[in-house]
Amino acid sequence: HVQLVESGGGSVQAGGSLRLSCLYNHRGNCMGWFRQVPGKEREGVAAT
C-alpha cells in the first residue's frame, strides 16, 4: 500500500521561497507535483 505524506506548505510574501516535501514508502515510476485552487481543475507543476 503506497502512502504519501506531504509537508512544507505555509504563507510567504511574493518573491519568497518555500520547499515542499513528500515522503513516500514506495516510489512510483513517476512522481509529480500538482496544485489546485477552488473552482479550478488540478494542474500539473512538476514531474520526475
All heavy atoms as atom14 arrays in JSON, in Angstrom:
{
  "sequence": "HVQLVESGGGSVQAGGSLRLSCLYNHRGNCMGWFRQVPGKEREGVAAT",
  "atom14_mask": [
    [1, 1, 1, 1, 1, 1, 1, 1, 1, 1, 0, 0, 0, 0],
    [1, 1, 1, 1, 1, 1, 1, 0, 0, 0, 0, 0, 0, 0],
    [1, 1, 1, 1, 1, 1, 1, 1, 1, 0, 0, 0, 0, 0],
    [1, 1, 1, 1, 1, 1, 1, 1, 0, 0, 0, 0, 0, 0],
    [1, 1, 1, 1, 1, 1, 1, 0, 0, 0, 0, 0, 0, 0],
    [1, 1, 1, 1, 1, 1, 1, 1, 1, 0, 0, 0, 0, 0],
    [1, 1, 1, 1, 1, 1, 0, 0, 0, 0, 0, 0, 0, 0],
    [1, 1, 1, 1, 0, 0, 0, 0, 0, 0, 0, 0, 0, 0],
    [1, 1, 1, 1, 0, 0, 0, 0, 0, 0, 0, 0, 0, 0],
    [1, 1, 1, 1, 0, 0, 0, 0, 0, 0, 0, 0, 0, 0],
    [1, 1, 1, 1, 1, 1, 0, 0, 0, 0, 0, 0, 0, 0],
    [1, 1, 1, 1, 1, 1, 1, 0, 0, 0, 0, 0, 0, 0],
    [1, 1, 1, 1, 1, 1, 1, 1, 1, 0, 0, 0, 0, 0],
    [1, 1, 1, 1, 1, 0, 0, 0, 0, 0, 0, 0, 0, 0],
    [1, 1, 1, 1, 0, 0, 0, 0, 0, 0, 0, 0, 0, 0],
    [1, 1, 1, 1, 0, 0, 0, 0, 0, 0, 0, 0, 0, 0],
    [1, 1, 1, 1, 1, 1, 0, 0, 0, 0, 0, 0, 0, 0],
    [1, 1, 1, 1, 1, 1, 1, 1, 0, 0, 0, 0, 0, 0],
    [1, 1, 1, 1, 1, 1, 1, 1, 1, 1, 1, 0, 0, 0],
    [1, 1, 1, 1, 1, 1, 1, 1, 0, 0, 0, 0, 0, 0],
    [1, 1, 1, 1, 1, 1, 0, 0, 0, 0, 0, 0, 0, 0],
    [1, 1, 1, 1, 1, 1, 0, 0, 0, 0, 0, 0, 0, 0],
    [1, 1, 1, 1, 1, 1, 1, 1, 0, 0, 0, 0, 0, 0],
    [1, 1, 1, 1, 1, 1, 1, 1, 1, 1, 1, 1, 0, 0],
    [1, 1, 1, 1, 1, 1, 1, 1, 0, 0, 0, 0, 0, 0],
    [1, 1, 1, 1, 1, 1, 1, 1, 1, 1, 0, 0, 0, 0],
    [1, 1, 1, 1, 1, 1, 1, 1, 1, 1, 1, 0, 0, 0],
    [1, 1, 1, 1, 0, 0, 0, 0, 0, 0, 0, 0, 0, 0],
    [1, 1, 1, 1, 1, 1, 1, 1, 0, 0, 0, 0, 0, 0],
    [1, 1, 1, 1, 1, 1, 0, 0, 0, 0, 0, 0, 0, 0],
    [1, 1, 1, 1, 1, 1, 1, 1, 0, 0, 0, 0, 0, 0],
    [1, 1, 1, 1, 0, 0, 0, 0, 0, 0, 0, 0, 0, 0],
    [1, 1, 1, 1, 1, 1, 1, 1, 1, 1, 1, 1, 1, 1],
    [1, 1, 1, 1, 1, 1, 1, 1, 1, 1, 1, 0, 0, 0],
    [1, 1, 1, 1, 1, 1, 1, 1, 1, 1, 1, 0, 0, 0],
    [1, 1, 1, 1, 1, 1, 1, 1, 1, 0, 0, 0, 0, 0],
    [1, 1, 1, 1, 1, 1, 1, 0, 0, 0, 0, 0, 0, 0],
    [1, 1, 1, 1, 1, 1, 1, 0, 0, 0, 0, 0, 0, 0],
    [1, 1, 1, 1, 0, 0, 0, 0, 0, 0, 0, 0, 0, 0],
    [1, 1, 1, 1, 1, 1, 1, 1, 1, 0, 0, 0, 0, 0],
    [1, 1, 1, 1, 1, 1, 1, 1, 1, 0, 0, 0, 0, 0],
    [1, 1, 1, 1, 1, 1, 1, 1, 1, 1, 1, 0, 0, 0],
    [1, 1, 1, 1, 1, 1, 1, 1, 1, 0, 0, 0, 0, 0],
    [1, 1, 1, 1, 0, 0, 0, 0, 0, 0, 0, 0, 0, 0],
    [1, 1, 1, 1, 1, 1, 1, 0, 0, 0, 0, 0, 0, 0],
    [1, 1, 1, 1, 1, 0, 0, 0, 0, 0, 0, 0, 0, 0],
    [1, 1, 1, 1, 1, 0, 0, 0, 0, 0, 0, 0, 0, 0],
    [1, 1, 1, 1, 1, 1, 1, 0, 0, 0, 0, 0, 0, 0]
  ],
  "atom14_positions": [
    [[0.84, -1.18, 0.0], [0.0, 0.0, 0.0], [0.89, 1.25, 0.0], [1.67, 1.45, 0.92], [-0.93, 0.02, 1.21], [-1.81, 1.23, 1.29], [-2.77, 1.5, 0.32], [-1.87, 2.25, 2.18], [-3.38, 2.62, 0.65], [-2.87, 3.09, 1.76], [0.0, 0.0, 0.0], [0.0, 0.0, 0.0], [0.0, 0.0, 0.0], [0.0, 0.0, 0.0]],
    [[0.76, 2.05, -1.03], [1.56, 3.24, -1.17], [0.96, 4.39, -0.37], [-0.24, 4.67, -0.45], [1.69, 3.66, -2.65], [2.48, 4.96, -2.77], [2.36, 2.55, -3.45], [0.0, 0.0, 0.0], [0.0, 0.0, 0.0], [0.0, 0.0, 0.0], [0.0, 0.0, 0.0], [0.0, 0.0, 0.0], [0.0, 0.0, 0.0], [0.0, 0.0, 0.0]],
    [[1.81, 5.05, 0.39], [1.38, 6.19, 1.17], [2.29, 7.38, 0.89], [3.51, 7.23, 0.81], [1.39, 5.87, 2.67], [0.38, 4.81, 3.07], [0.36, 4.59, 4.58], [1.21, 5.09, 5.31], [-0.63, 3.84, 5.04], [0.0, 0.0, 0.0], [0.0, 0.0, 0.0], [0.0, 0.0, 0.0], [0.0, 0.0, 0.0], [0.0, 0.0, 0.0]],
    [[1.68, 8.54, 0.76], [2.41, 9.78, 0.52], [2.04, 10.77, 1.61], [0.86, 10.97, 1.89], [2.06, 10.37, -0.85], [2.18, 9.44, -2.06], [1.69, 10.16, -3.31], [3.62, 8.99, -2.23], [0.0, 0.0, 0.0], [0.0, 0.0, 0.0], [0.0, 0.0, 0.0], [0.0, 0.0, 0.0], [0.0, 0.0, 0.0], [0.0, 0.0, 0.0]],
    [[3.04, 11.39, 2.21], [2.81, 12.36, 3.27], [3.52, 13.65, 2.91], [4.74, 13.69, 2.81], [3.32, 11.84, 4.63], [3.05, 12.88, 5.72], [2.65, 10.52, 4.98], [0.0, 0.0, 0.0], [0.0, 0.0, 0.0], [0.0, 0.0, 0.0], [0.0, 0.0, 0.0], [0.0, 0.0, 0.0], [0.0, 0.0, 0.0], [0.0, 0.0, 0.0]],
    [[2.74, 14.71, 2.74], [3.28, 16.0, 2.33], [3.45, 16.95, 3.5], [2.72, 16.87, 4.5], [2.36, 16.64, 1.29], [2.2, 15.81, 0.04], [1.1, 16.31, -0.86], [0.02, 16.66, -0.32], [1.31, 16.35, -2.08], [0.0, 0.0, 0.0], [0.0, 0.0, 0.0], [0.0, 0.0, 0.0], [0.0, 0.0, 0.0], [0.0, 0.0, 0.0]],
    [[4.39, 17.86, 3.35], [4.63, 18.88, 4.35], [5.4, 20.04, 3.71], [5.84, 19.94, 2.58], [5.43, 18.32, 5.53], [6.71, 17.87, 5.12], [0.0, 0.0, 0.0], [0.0, 0.0, 0.0], [0.0, 0.0, 0.0], [0.0, 0.0, 0.0], [0.0, 0.0, 0.0], [0.0, 0.0, 0.0], [0.0, 0.0, 0.0], [0.0, 0.0, 0.0]],
    [[5.53, 21.12, 4.44], [6.32, 22.24, 3.97], [5.54, 23.45, 3.5], [6.13, 24.5, 3.2], [0.0, 0.0, 0.0], [0.0, 0.0, 0.0], [0.0, 0.0, 0.0], [0.0, 0.0, 0.0], [0.0, 0.0, 0.0], [0.0, 0.0, 0.0], [0.0, 0.0, 0.0], [0.0, 0.0, 0.0], [0.0, 0.0, 0.0], [0.0, 0.0, 0.0]],
    [[4.23, 23.33, 3.41], [3.42, 24.45, 2.98], [3.4, 25.55, 4.02], [3.79, 25.35, 5.17], [0.0, 0.0, 0.0], [0.0, 0.0, 0.0], [0.0, 0.0, 0.0], [0.0, 0.0, 0.0], [0.0, 0.0, 0.0], [0.0, 0.0, 0.0], [0.0, 0.0, 0.0], [0.0, 0.0, 0.0], [0.0, 0.0, 0.0], [0.0, 0.0, 0.0]],
    [[2.93, 26.72, 3.62], [2.86, 27.84, 4.53], [2.55, 29.12, 3.8], [2.21, 29.1, 2.62], [0.0, 0.0, 0.0], [0.0, 0.0, 0.0], [0.0, 0.0, 0.0], [0.0, 0.0, 0.0], [0.0, 0.0, 0.0], [0.0, 0.0, 0.0], [0.0, 0.0, 0.0], [0.0, 0.0, 0.0], [0.0, 0.0, 0.0], [0.0, 0.0, 0.0]],
    [[2.66, 30.22, 4.51], [2.42, 31.54, 3.94], [3.72, 32.29, 3.75], [4.54, 32.36, 4.67], [1.48, 32.34, 4.85], [0.22, 31.71, 4.99], [0.0, 0.0, 0.0], [0.0, 0.0, 0.0], [0.0, 0.0, 0.0], [0.0, 0.0, 0.0], [0.0, 0.0, 0.0], [0.0, 0.0, 0.0], [0.0, 0.0, 0.0], [0.0, 0.0, 0.0]],
    [[3.91, 32.83, 2.55], [5.11, 33.59, 2.24], [4.75, 34.83, 1.44], [3.68, 34.9, 0.84], [6.13, 32.75, 1.44], [6.6, 31.56, 2.26], [5.52, 32.3, 0.13], [0.0, 0.0, 0.0], [0.0, 0.0, 0.0], [0.0, 0.0, 0.0], [0.0, 0.0, 0.0], [0.0, 0.0, 0.0], [0.0, 0.0, 0.0], [0.0, 0.0, 0.0]],
    [[5.64, 35.8, 1.44], [5.44, 37.0, 0.66], [5.91, 36.78, -0.77], [6.75, 35.93, -1.04], [6.19, 38.17, 1.28], [5.65, 38.6, 2.63], [6.37, 39.81, 3.18], [7.6, 39.88, 3.15], [5.61, 40.78, 3.66], [0.0, 0.0, 0.0], [0.0, 0.0, 0.0], [0.0, 0.0, 0.0], [0.0, 0.0, 0.0], [0.0, 0.0, 0.0]],
    [[5.35, 37.54, -1.69], [5.75, 37.45, -3.08], [7.26, 37.62, -3.2], [7.85, 38.48, -2.55], [5.03, 38.51, -3.91], [0.0, 0.0, 0.0], [0.0, 0.0, 0.0], [0.0, 0.0, 0.0], [0.0, 0.0, 0.0], [0.0, 0.0, 0.0], [0.0, 0.0, 0.0], [0.0, 0.0, 0.0], [0.0, 0.0, 0.0], [0.0, 0.0, 0.0]],
    [[7.86, 36.77, -4.01], [9.31, 36.8, -4.18], [10.04, 35.86, -3.25], [11.24, 35.63, -3.42], [0.0, 0.0, 0.0], [0.0, 0.0, 0.0], [0.0, 0.0, 0.0], [0.0, 0.0, 0.0], [0.0, 0.0, 0.0], [0.0, 0.0, 0.0], [0.0, 0.0, 0.0], [0.0, 0.0, 0.0], [0.0, 0.0, 0.0], [0.0, 0.0, 0.0]],
    [[9.33, 35.31, -2.29], [9.92, 34.41, -1.33], [10.05, 32.99, -1.86], [9.7, 32.7, -2.99], [0.0, 0.0, 0.0], [0.0, 0.0, 0.0], [0.0, 0.0, 0.0], [0.0, 0.0, 0.0], [0.0, 0.0, 0.0], [0.0, 0.0, 0.0], [0.0, 0.0, 0.0], [0.0, 0.0, 0.0], [0.0, 0.0, 0.0], [0.0, 0.0, 0.0]],
    [[10.54, 32.11, -1.0], [10.77, 30.72, -1.37], [10.14, 29.77, -0.37], [9.91, 30.11, 0.79], [12.27, 30.42, -1.47], [12.89, 31.21, -2.45], [0.0, 0.0, 0.0], [0.0, 0.0, 0.0], [0.0, 0.0, 0.0], [0.0, 0.0, 0.0], [0.0, 0.0, 0.0], [0.0, 0.0, 0.0], [0.0, 0.0, 0.0], [0.0, 0.0, 0.0]],
    [[9.87, 28.57, -0.84], [9.3, 27.54, 0.0], [9.74, 26.19, -0.54], [9.86, 26.02, -1.76], [7.78, 27.65, 0.0], [7.0, 27.11, 1.21], [7.43, 27.82, 2.48], [5.5, 27.3, 0.99], [0.0, 0.0, 0.0], [0.0, 0.0, 0.0], [0.0, 0.0, 0.0], [0.0, 0.0, 0.0], [0.0, 0.0, 0.0], [0.0, 0.0, 0.0]],
    [[9.96, 25.24, 0.34], [10.38, 23.9, -0.06], [9.37, 22.88, 0.45], [9.21, 22.69, 1.66], [11.76, 23.58, 0.5], [12.35, 22.24, 0.06], [13.74, 22.07, 0.66], [14.37, 20.79, 0.39], [15.09, 20.51, -0.69], [15.27, 21.44, -1.62], [15.64, 19.3, -0.84], [0.0, 0.0, 0.0], [0.0, 0.0, 0.0], [0.0, 0.0, 0.0]],
    [[8.69, 22.22, -0.47], [7.71, 21.21, -0.12], [8.36, 19.83, -0.13], [9.26, 19.57, -0.91], [6.54, 21.22, -1.11], [5.83, 22.56, -1.33], [4.65, 22.36, -2.27], [5.38, 23.15, -0.01], [0.0, 0.0, 0.0], [0.0, 0.0, 0.0], [0.0, 0.0, 0.0], [0.0, 0.0, 0.0], [0.0, 0.0, 0.0], [0.0, 0.0, 0.0]],
    [[7.88, 18.97, 0.75], [8.4, 17.62, 0.85], [7.27, 16.61, 0.75], [6.16, 16.87, 1.22], [9.14, 17.41, 2.17], [10.23, 18.3, 2.3], [0.0, 0.0, 0.0], [0.0, 0.0, 0.0], [0.0, 0.0, 0.0], [0.0, 0.0, 0.0], [0.0, 0.0, 0.0], [0.0, 0.0, 0.0], [0.0, 0.0, 0.0], [0.0, 0.0, 0.0]],
    [[7.55, 15.49, 0.14], [6.59, 14.4, 0.05], [7.32, 13.11, 0.39], [8.17, 12.65, -0.38], [5.97, 14.32, -1.34], [4.81, 12.94, -1.55], [0.0, 0.0, 0.0], [0.0, 0.0, 0.0], [0.0, 0.0, 0.0], [0.0, 0.0, 0.0], [0.0, 0.0, 0.0], [0.0, 0.0, 0.0], [0.0, 0.0, 0.0], [0.0, 0.0, 0.0]],
    [[7.0, 12.56, 1.54], [7.6, 11.32, 1.98], [6.75, 10.15, 1.48], [5.55, 10.14, 1.69], [7.7, 11.29, 3.5], [8.29, 10.04, 4.15], [9.76, 9.91, 3.8], [8.1, 10.09, 5.66], [0.0, 0.0, 0.0], [0.0, 0.0, 0.0], [0.0, 0.0, 0.0], [0.0, 0.0, 0.0], [0.0, 0.0, 0.0], [0.0, 0.0, 0.0]],
    [[7.39, 9.2, 0.83], [6.66, 8.05, 0.31], [7.33, 6.75, 0.74], [8.54, 6.7, 0.95], [6.56, 8.1, -1.22], [7.89, 8.25, -1.93], [8.69, 7.14, -2.21], [8.34, 9.51, -2.34], [9.91, 7.29, -2.86], [9.54, 9.66, -3.0], [10.33, 8.54, -3.26], [11.53, 8.69, -3.91], [0.0, 0.0, 0.0], [0.0, 0.0, 0.0]],
    [[6.54, 5.69, 0.83], [7.09, 4.4, 1.2], [7.46, 3.56, -0.02], [8.3, 2.66, 0.08], [6.13, 3.63, 2.12], [4.75, 3.44, 1.52], [4.46, 3.91, 0.43], [3.89, 2.75, 2.26], [0.0, 0.0, 0.0], [0.0, 0.0, 0.0], [0.0, 0.0, 0.0], [0.0, 0.0, 0.0], [0.0, 0.0, 0.0], [0.0, 0.0, 0.0]],
    [[6.84, 3.84, -1.15], [7.16, 3.17, -2.4], [7.12, 4.18, -3.54], [6.08, 4.8, -3.78], [6.19, 2.03, -2.7], [6.28, 0.89, -1.73], [7.34, 0.0, -1.73], [5.46, 0.5, -0.72], [7.16, -0.89, -0.76], [6.03, -0.61, -0.15], [0.0, 0.0, 0.0], [0.0, 0.0, 0.0], [0.0, 0.0, 0.0], [0.0, 0.0, 0.0]],
    [[8.24, 4.32, -4.22], [8.31, 5.28, -5.31], [7.58, 4.78, -6.55], [7.7, 3.61, -6.92], [9.77, 5.59, -5.66], [9.93, 6.6, -6.8], [11.39, 6.84, -7.14], [12.04, 5.63, -7.62], [11.98, 5.17, -8.86], [11.26, 5.84, -9.77], [12.61, 4.06, -9.21], [0.0, 0.0, 0.0], [0.0, 0.0, 0.0], [0.0, 0.0, 0.0]],
    [[6.83, 5.66, -7.17], [6.22, 5.34, -8.44], [7.22, 5.58, -9.54], [8.23, 6.26, -9.34], [0.0, 0.0, 0.0], [0.0, 0.0, 0.0], [0.0, 0.0, 0.0], [0.0, 0.0, 0.0], [0.0, 0.0, 0.0], [0.0, 0.0, 0.0], [0.0, 0.0, 0.0], [0.0, 0.0, 0.0], [0.0, 0.0, 0.0], [0.0, 0.0, 0.0]],
    [[6.97, 5.01, -10.71], [7.86, 5.27, -11.84], [7.97, 6.77, -12.08], [9.02, 7.27, -12.46], [7.34, 4.58, -13.09], [7.78, 3.14, -13.17], [7.64, 2.39, -12.21], [8.31, 2.74, -14.32], [0.0, 0.0, 0.0], [0.0, 0.0, 0.0], [0.0, 0.0, 0.0], [0.0, 0.0, 0.0], [0.0, 0.0, 0.0], [0.0, 0.0, 0.0]],
    [[6.86, 7.44, -11.84], [6.82, 8.89, -11.97], [6.29, 9.5, -10.69], [5.32, 9.01, -10.1], [5.93, 9.28, -13.16], [5.89, 11.05, -13.48], [0.0, 0.0, 0.0], [0.0, 0.0, 0.0], [0.0, 0.0, 0.0], [0.0, 0.0, 0.0], [0.0, 0.0, 0.0], [0.0, 0.0, 0.0], [0.0, 0.0, 0.0], [0.0, 0.0, 0.0]],
    [[6.94, 10.56, -10.25], [6.49, 11.33, -9.11], [6.16, 12.72, -9.61], [6.95, 13.3, -10.36], [7.57, 11.4, -8.03], [8.04, 10.05, -7.51], [6.74, 9.14, -6.62], [6.42, 10.25, -5.25], [0.0, 0.0, 0.0], [0.0, 0.0, 0.0], [0.0, 0.0, 0.0], [0.0, 0.0, 0.0], [0.0, 0.0, 0.0], [0.0, 0.0, 0.0]],
    [[5.02, 13.23, -9.21], [4.61, 14.53, -9.69], [4.08, 15.45, -8.61], [3.67, 15.0, -7.54], [0.0, 0.0, 0.0], [0.0, 0.0, 0.0], [0.0, 0.0, 0.0], [0.0, 0.0, 0.0], [0.0, 0.0, 0.0], [0.0, 0.0, 0.0], [0.0, 0.0, 0.0], [0.0, 0.0, 0.0], [0.0, 0.0, 0.0], [0.0, 0.0, 0.0]],
    [[4.12, 16.73, -8.9], [3.53, 17.75, -8.05], [2.43, 18.45, -8.83], [2.64, 18.87, -9.97], [4.57, 18.77, -7.58], [5.46, 18.29, -6.47], [6.7, 17.78, -6.59], [5.15, 18.31, -5.08], [7.21, 17.47, -5.35], [6.28, 17.78, -4.41], [4.04, 18.71, -4.33], [6.32, 17.65, -3.02], [4.08, 18.57, -2.95], [5.22, 18.05, -2.31]],
    [[1.27, 18.57, -8.2], [0.13, 19.26, -8.79], [-0.37, 20.31, -7.82], [-0.05, 20.29, -6.64], [-0.99, 18.27, -9.1], [-0.69, 17.34, -10.25], [0.16, 16.26, -10.08], [-1.28, 17.53, -11.48], [0.44, 15.39, -11.12], [-1.02, 16.67, -12.54], [-0.16, 15.6, -12.36], [0.0, 0.0, 0.0], [0.0, 0.0, 0.0], [0.0, 0.0, 0.0]],
    [[-1.18, 21.22, -8.32], [-1.78, 22.22, -7.44], [-3.21, 22.48, -7.88], [-3.58, 22.28, -9.03], [-0.97, 23.52, -7.45], [-0.95, 24.25, -8.78], [0.03, 25.41, -8.72], [0.02, 26.21, -9.93], [0.88, 27.19, -10.18], [1.81, 27.5, -9.29], [0.8, 27.86, -11.32], [0.0, 0.0, 0.0], [0.0, 0.0, 0.0], [0.0, 0.0, 0.0]],
    [[-4.01, 22.93, -6.93], [-5.41, 23.18, -7.22], [-5.95, 24.31, -6.36], [-5.65, 24.41, -5.18], [-6.23, 21.91, -6.98], [-7.68, 22.0, -7.39], [-8.37, 20.66, -7.35], [-8.02, 19.78, -6.55], [-9.35, 20.46, -8.22], [0.0, 0.0, 0.0], [0.0, 0.0, 0.0], [0.0, 0.0, 0.0], [0.0, 0.0, 0.0], [0.0, 0.0, 0.0]],
    [[-6.75, 25.15, -6.98], [-7.43, 26.23, -6.27], [-8.92, 26.03, -6.43], [-9.37, 25.38, -7.38], [-7.01, 27.62, -6.8], [-5.52, 27.84, -6.59], [-7.37, 27.76, -8.27], [0.0, 0.0, 0.0], [0.0, 0.0, 0.0], [0.0, 0.0, 0.0], [0.0, 0.0, 0.0], [0.0, 0.0, 0.0], [0.0, 0.0, 0.0], [0.0, 0.0, 0.0]],
    [[-9.73, 26.57, -5.52], [-11.18, 26.4, -5.61], [-11.72, 26.86, -6.95], [-11.36, 27.93, -7.44], [-11.7, 27.26, -4.46], [-10.6, 27.24, -3.46], [-9.34, 27.31, -4.3], [0.0, 0.0, 0.0], [0.0, 0.0, 0.0], [0.0, 0.0, 0.0], [0.0, 0.0, 0.0], [0.0, 0.0, 0.0], [0.0, 0.0, 0.0], [0.0, 0.0, 0.0]],
    [[-12.59, 26.05, -7.54], [-13.21, 26.4, -8.8], [-12.39, 26.09, -10.02], [-12.85, 26.35, -11.14], [0.0, 0.0, 0.0], [0.0, 0.0, 0.0], [0.0, 0.0, 0.0], [0.0, 0.0, 0.0], [0.0, 0.0, 0.0], [0.0, 0.0, 0.0], [0.0, 0.0, 0.0], [0.0, 0.0, 0.0], [0.0, 0.0, 0.0], [0.0, 0.0, 0.0]],
    [[-11.2, 25.54, -9.84], [-10.36, 25.21, -10.97], [-9.92, 23.75, -10.92], [-9.96, 23.12, -9.87], [-9.12, 26.1, -11.03], [-9.42, 27.56, -11.29], [-8.13, 28.36, -11.47], [-8.41, 29.81, -11.81], [-7.16, 30.58, -12.01], [0.0, 0.0, 0.0], [0.0, 0.0, 0.0], [0.0, 0.0, 0.0], [0.0, 0.0, 0.0], [0.0, 0.0, 0.0]],
    [[-9.53, 23.26, -12.06], [-9.07, 21.88, -12.14], [-7.67, 21.76, -11.56], [-6.93, 22.73, -11.46], [-9.08, 21.4, -13.61], [-8.0, 22.04, -14.48], [-8.35, 23.45, -14.94], [-9.45, 23.92, -14.63], [-7.52, 24.06, -15.62], [0.0, 0.0, 0.0], [0.0, 0.0, 0.0], [0.0, 0.0, 0.0], [0.0, 0.0, 0.0], [0.0, 0.0, 0.0]],
    [[-7.33, 20.56, -11.17], [-5.99, 20.29, -10.67], [-5.01, 20.36, -11.84], [-5.25, 19.77, -12.89], [-5.93, 18.92, -9.99], [-4.65, 18.64, -9.24], [-4.79, 17.4, -8.35], [-5.81, 17.58, -7.33], [-6.06, 16.71, -6.36], [-5.34, 15.6, -6.27], [-7.02, 16.95, -5.49], [0.0, 0.0, 0.0], [0.0, 0.0, 0.0], [0.0, 0.0, 0.0]],
    [[-3.92, 21.08, -11.66], [-2.97, 21.26, -12.75], [-1.58, 20.79, -12.36], [-1.15, 20.9, -11.21], [-2.92, 22.72, -13.2], [-2.41, 23.68, -12.14], [-2.27, 25.1, -12.65], [-2.47, 25.32, -13.86], [-1.95, 25.99, -11.84], [0.0, 0.0, 0.0], [0.0, 0.0, 0.0], [0.0, 0.0, 0.0], [0.0, 0.0, 0.0], [0.0, 0.0, 0.0]],
    [[-0.86, 20.28, -13.35], [0.48, 19.81, -13.12], [1.46, 20.95, -12.9], [1.3, 22.04, -13.46], [0.0, 0.0, 0.0], [0.0, 0.0, 0.0], [0.0, 0.0, 0.0], [0.0, 0.0, 0.0], [0.0, 0.0, 0.0], [0.0, 0.0, 0.0], [0.0, 0.0, 0.0], [0.0, 0.0, 0.0], [0.0, 0.0, 0.0], [0.0, 0.0, 0.0]],
    [[2.47, 20.7, -12.09], [3.51, 21.67, -11.8], [4.86, 21.12, -12.22], [5.6, 21.74, -12.99], [3.53, 22.06, -10.32], [4.68, 23.03, -10.04], [2.2, 22.67, -9.9], [0.0, 0.0, 0.0], [0.0, 0.0, 0.0], [0.0, 0.0, 0.0], [0.0, 0.0, 0.0], [0.0, 0.0, 0.0], [0.0, 0.0, 0.0], [0.0, 0.0, 0.0]],
    [[5.2, 19.95, -11.71], [6.48, 19.33, -12.0], [6.36, 17.83, -11.88], [5.49, 17.31, -11.2], [7.56, 19.85, -11.04], [0.0, 0.0, 0.0], [0.0, 0.0, 0.0], [0.0, 0.0, 0.0], [0.0, 0.0, 0.0], [0.0, 0.0, 0.0], [0.0, 0.0, 0.0], [0.0, 0.0, 0.0], [0.0, 0.0, 0.0], [0.0, 0.0, 0.0]],
    [[7.25, 17.13, -12.56], [7.27, 15.67, -12.5], [8.68, 15.18, -12.71], [9.5, 15.86, -13.36], [6.33, 15.07, -13.55], [0.0, 0.0, 0.0], [0.0, 0.0, 0.0], [0.0, 0.0, 0.0], [0.0, 0.0, 0.0], [0.0, 0.0, 0.0], [0.0, 0.0, 0.0], [0.0, 0.0, 0.0], [0.0, 0.0, 0.0], [0.0, 0.0, 0.0]],
    [[8.99, 14.03, -12.16], [10.31, 13.44, -12.33], [10.19, 11.96, -12.61], [9.36, 11.26, -12.03], [11.21, 13.69, -11.1], [12.51, 13.13, -11.33], [10.6, 13.06, -9.85], [0.0, 0.0, 0.0], [0.0, 0.0, 0.0], [0.0, 0.0, 0.0], [0.0, 0.0, 0.0], [0.0, 0.0, 0.0], [0.0, 0.0, 0.0], [0.0, 0.0, 0.0]]
  ]
}
